[in-house]
C-alpha atoms as a PDB file:
ATOM      1  CA  MET A   1      18.844 -42.865   4.306  1.00  0.00           C
ATOM      2  CA  PRO A   2      20.424 -39.243   3.916  1.00  0.00           C
ATOM      3  CA  SER A   3      18.168 -36.243   4.843  1.00  0.00           C
ATOM      4  CA  THR A   4      17.558 -33.572   2.400  1.00  0.00           C
ATOM      5  CA  PRO A   5      18.545 -30.217   3.576  1.00  0.00           C
ATOM      6  CA  ALA A   6      16.086 -27.758   4.404  1.00  0.00           C
ATOM      7  CA  PRO A   7      15.789 -24.812   2.174  1.00  0.00           C
ATOM      8  CA  ALA A   8      17.777 -21.728   3.114  1.00  0.00           C
ATOM      9  CA  ALA A   9      16.086 -18.811   4.852  1.00  0.00           C
ATOM     10  CA  GLY A  10      14.253 -16.807   2.786  1.00  0.00           C
ATOM     11  CA  SER A  11      14.580 -18.779  -0.486  1.00  0.00           C
ATOM     12  CA  SER A  12      11.083 -19.031  -1.221  1.00  0.00           C
ATOM     13  CA  GLY A  13      10.995 -15.627  -2.854  1.00  0.00           C
ATOM     14  CA  GLN A  14       8.648 -14.076  -0.301  1.00  0.00           C
ATOM     15  CA  ARG A  15       9.964 -11.047   1.386  1.00  0.00           C
ATOM     16  CA  PRO A  16      10.007 -11.245   5.058  1.00  0.00           C
ATOM     17  CA  PRO A  17       6.762  -9.676   6.887  1.00  0.00           C
ATOM     18  CA  ASN A  18       8.808  -6.294   8.043  1.00  0.00           C
ATOM     19  CA  ASP A  19       9.700  -5.476   4.186  1.00  0.00           C
ATOM     20  CA  ALA A  20       5.745  -6.231   3.255  1.00  0.00           C
ATOM     21  CA  ALA A  21       4.674  -3.918   6.167  1.00  0.00           C
ATOM     22  CA  LEU A  22       7.153  -1.432   5.260  1.00  0.00           C
ATOM     23  CA  ASP A  23       6.099  -1.450   1.493  1.00  0.00           C
ATOM     24  CA  ALA A  24       2.180  -1.108   2.854  1.00  0.00           C
ATOM     25  CA  LEU A  25       3.215   1.883   5.072  1.00  0.00           C
ATOM     26  CA  LYS A  26       5.133   3.586   1.924  1.00  0.00           C
ATOM     27  CA  GLN A  27       1.893   3.199  -0.393  1.00  0.00           C
ATOM     28  CA  ARG A  28      -0.292   4.447   2.427  1.00  0.00           C
ATOM     29  CA  VAL A  29       1.981   7.365   2.710  1.00  0.00           C
ATOM     30  CA  GLN A  30       2.256   8.017  -0.880  1.00  0.00           C
ATOM     31  CA  GLN A  31      -1.611   8.193  -0.882  1.00  0.00           C
ATOM     32  CA  ALA A  32      -1.864  10.539   1.741  1.00  0.00           C
ATOM     33  CA  ILE A  33       0.786  12.960  -0.187  1.00  0.00           C
ATOM     34  CA  ASP A  34      -0.172  12.388  -3.821  1.00  0.00           C
ATOM     35  CA  ASP A  35      -1.185  15.922  -4.557  1.00  0.00           C
ATOM     36  CA  VAL A  36       1.980  17.306  -3.017  1.00  0.00           C
ATOM     37  CA  SER A  37       4.506  19.101  -5.516  1.00  0.00           C
ATOM     38  CA  TYR A  38       8.127  18.908  -5.223  1.00  0.00           C
ATOM     39  CA  PRO A  39      10.542  19.723  -4.177  1.00  0.00           C
ATOM     40  CA  ALA A  40       8.786  19.602  -0.809  1.00  0.00           C
ATOM     41  CA  ARG A  41       9.887  20.041   2.832  1.00  0.00           C
ATOM     42  CA  ARG A  42       8.955  17.711   5.876  1.00  0.00           C
ATOM     43  CA  ASP A  43       6.356  19.860   7.132  1.00  0.00           C
ATOM     44  CA  THR A  44       4.637  19.989   3.904  1.00  0.00           C
ATOM     45  CA  LEU A  45       4.608  16.494   3.528  1.00  0.00           C
ATOM     46  CA  ILE A  46       3.221  16.181   6.931  1.00  0.00           C
ATOM     47  CA  ASP A  47       0.334  19.075   6.515  1.00  0.00           C
ATOM     48  CA  SER A  48      -0.734  17.374   3.309  1.00  0.00           C
ATOM     49  CA  ALA A  49      -1.143  13.701   5.065  1.00  0.00           C
ATOM     50  CA  ARG A  50      -3.243  15.371   7.912  1.00  0.00           C
ATOM     51  CA  GLU A  51      -5.290  17.197   4.925  1.00  0.00           C
ATOM     52  CA  HIS A  52      -6.084  13.971   4.000  1.00  0.00           C
ATOM     53  CA  ASP A  53      -6.682  12.426   7.075  1.00  0.00           C
ATOM     54  CA  ALA A  54      -3.974   9.981   6.980  1.00  0.00           C
ATOM     55  CA  PRO A  55      -3.745   7.265   9.748  1.00  0.00           C
ATOM     56  CA  ALA A  56      -1.504   7.941  12.564  1.00  0.00           C
ATOM     57  CA  ASP A  57       1.069   5.574  11.303  1.00  0.00           C
ATOM     58  CA  VAL A  58       1.444   7.987   8.098  1.00  0.00           C
ATOM     59  CA  VAL A  59       1.986  10.975   9.764  1.00  0.00           C
ATOM     60  CA  ASP A  60       4.465   9.155  12.483  1.00  0.00           C
ATOM     61  CA  ALA A  61       6.531   8.269   9.450  1.00  0.00           C
ATOM     62  CA  LEU A  62       6.637  11.617   8.144  1.00  0.00           C
ATOM     63  CA  ARG A  63       7.698  13.159  11.306  1.00  0.00           C
ATOM     64  CA  THR A  64      10.802  10.770  11.349  1.00  0.00           C
ATOM     65  CA  LEU A  65      11.972  12.558   8.275  1.00  0.00           C
ATOM     66  CA  PRO A  66      14.824  14.770   8.586  1.00  0.00           C
ATOM     67  CA  ASP A  67      13.891  18.290   8.276  1.00  0.00           C
ATOM     68  CA  GLU A  68      15.035  18.602   4.408  1.00  0.00           C
ATOM     69  CA  SER A  69      13.599  19.202   1.142  1.00  0.00           C
ATOM     70  CA  PHE A  70      12.790  16.115  -0.961  1.00  0.00           C
ATOM     71  CA  GLY A  71      12.752  16.293  -4.592  1.00  0.00           C
ATOM     72  CA  SER A  72      10.296  13.456  -5.290  1.00  0.00           C
ATOM     73  CA  PHE A  73       8.234  10.459  -3.367  1.00  0.00           C
ATOM     74  CA  ASN A  74      11.227   8.042  -3.930  1.00  0.00           C
ATOM     75  CA  GLU A  75      13.314  10.283  -1.751  1.00  0.00           C
ATOM     76  CA  VAL A  76      10.407  10.359   0.559  1.00  0.00           C
ATOM     77  CA  SER A  77      10.190   6.454   0.246  1.00  0.00           C
ATOM     78  CA  ALA A  78      14.196   5.785   0.706  1.00  0.00           C
ATOM     79  CA  SER A  79      14.011   8.104   3.749  1.00  0.00           C
ATOM     80  CA  ILE A  80      11.327   6.256   5.076  1.00  0.00           C
ATOM     81  CA  ALA A  81      12.941   2.913   5.085  1.00  0.00           C
ATOM     82  CA  ALA A  82      16.360   4.467   6.139  1.00  0.00           C
ATOM     83  CA  HIS A  83      14.344   5.338   9.563  1.00  0.00           C
ATOM     84  CA  ALA A  84      12.226   2.240   9.764  1.00  0.00           C
END
């Protein structure tokens, strides 16, 4: 009797845990810097997160960002993903 091949990795439609953890981190970052006016520099984002008593992983993620101006949270989010 021929065996049925196993489904390909990732074919279940679920994301790997790393993506889920990164998405959760980006959501926490967004909550911590929700009141920031853009464009905003990295230090402004860090200050906002600290003012909102953000967890250490949120502040650490913001510290990894390049020292530049971000035009929107989407830019912040993409940079976090690129540096994760």
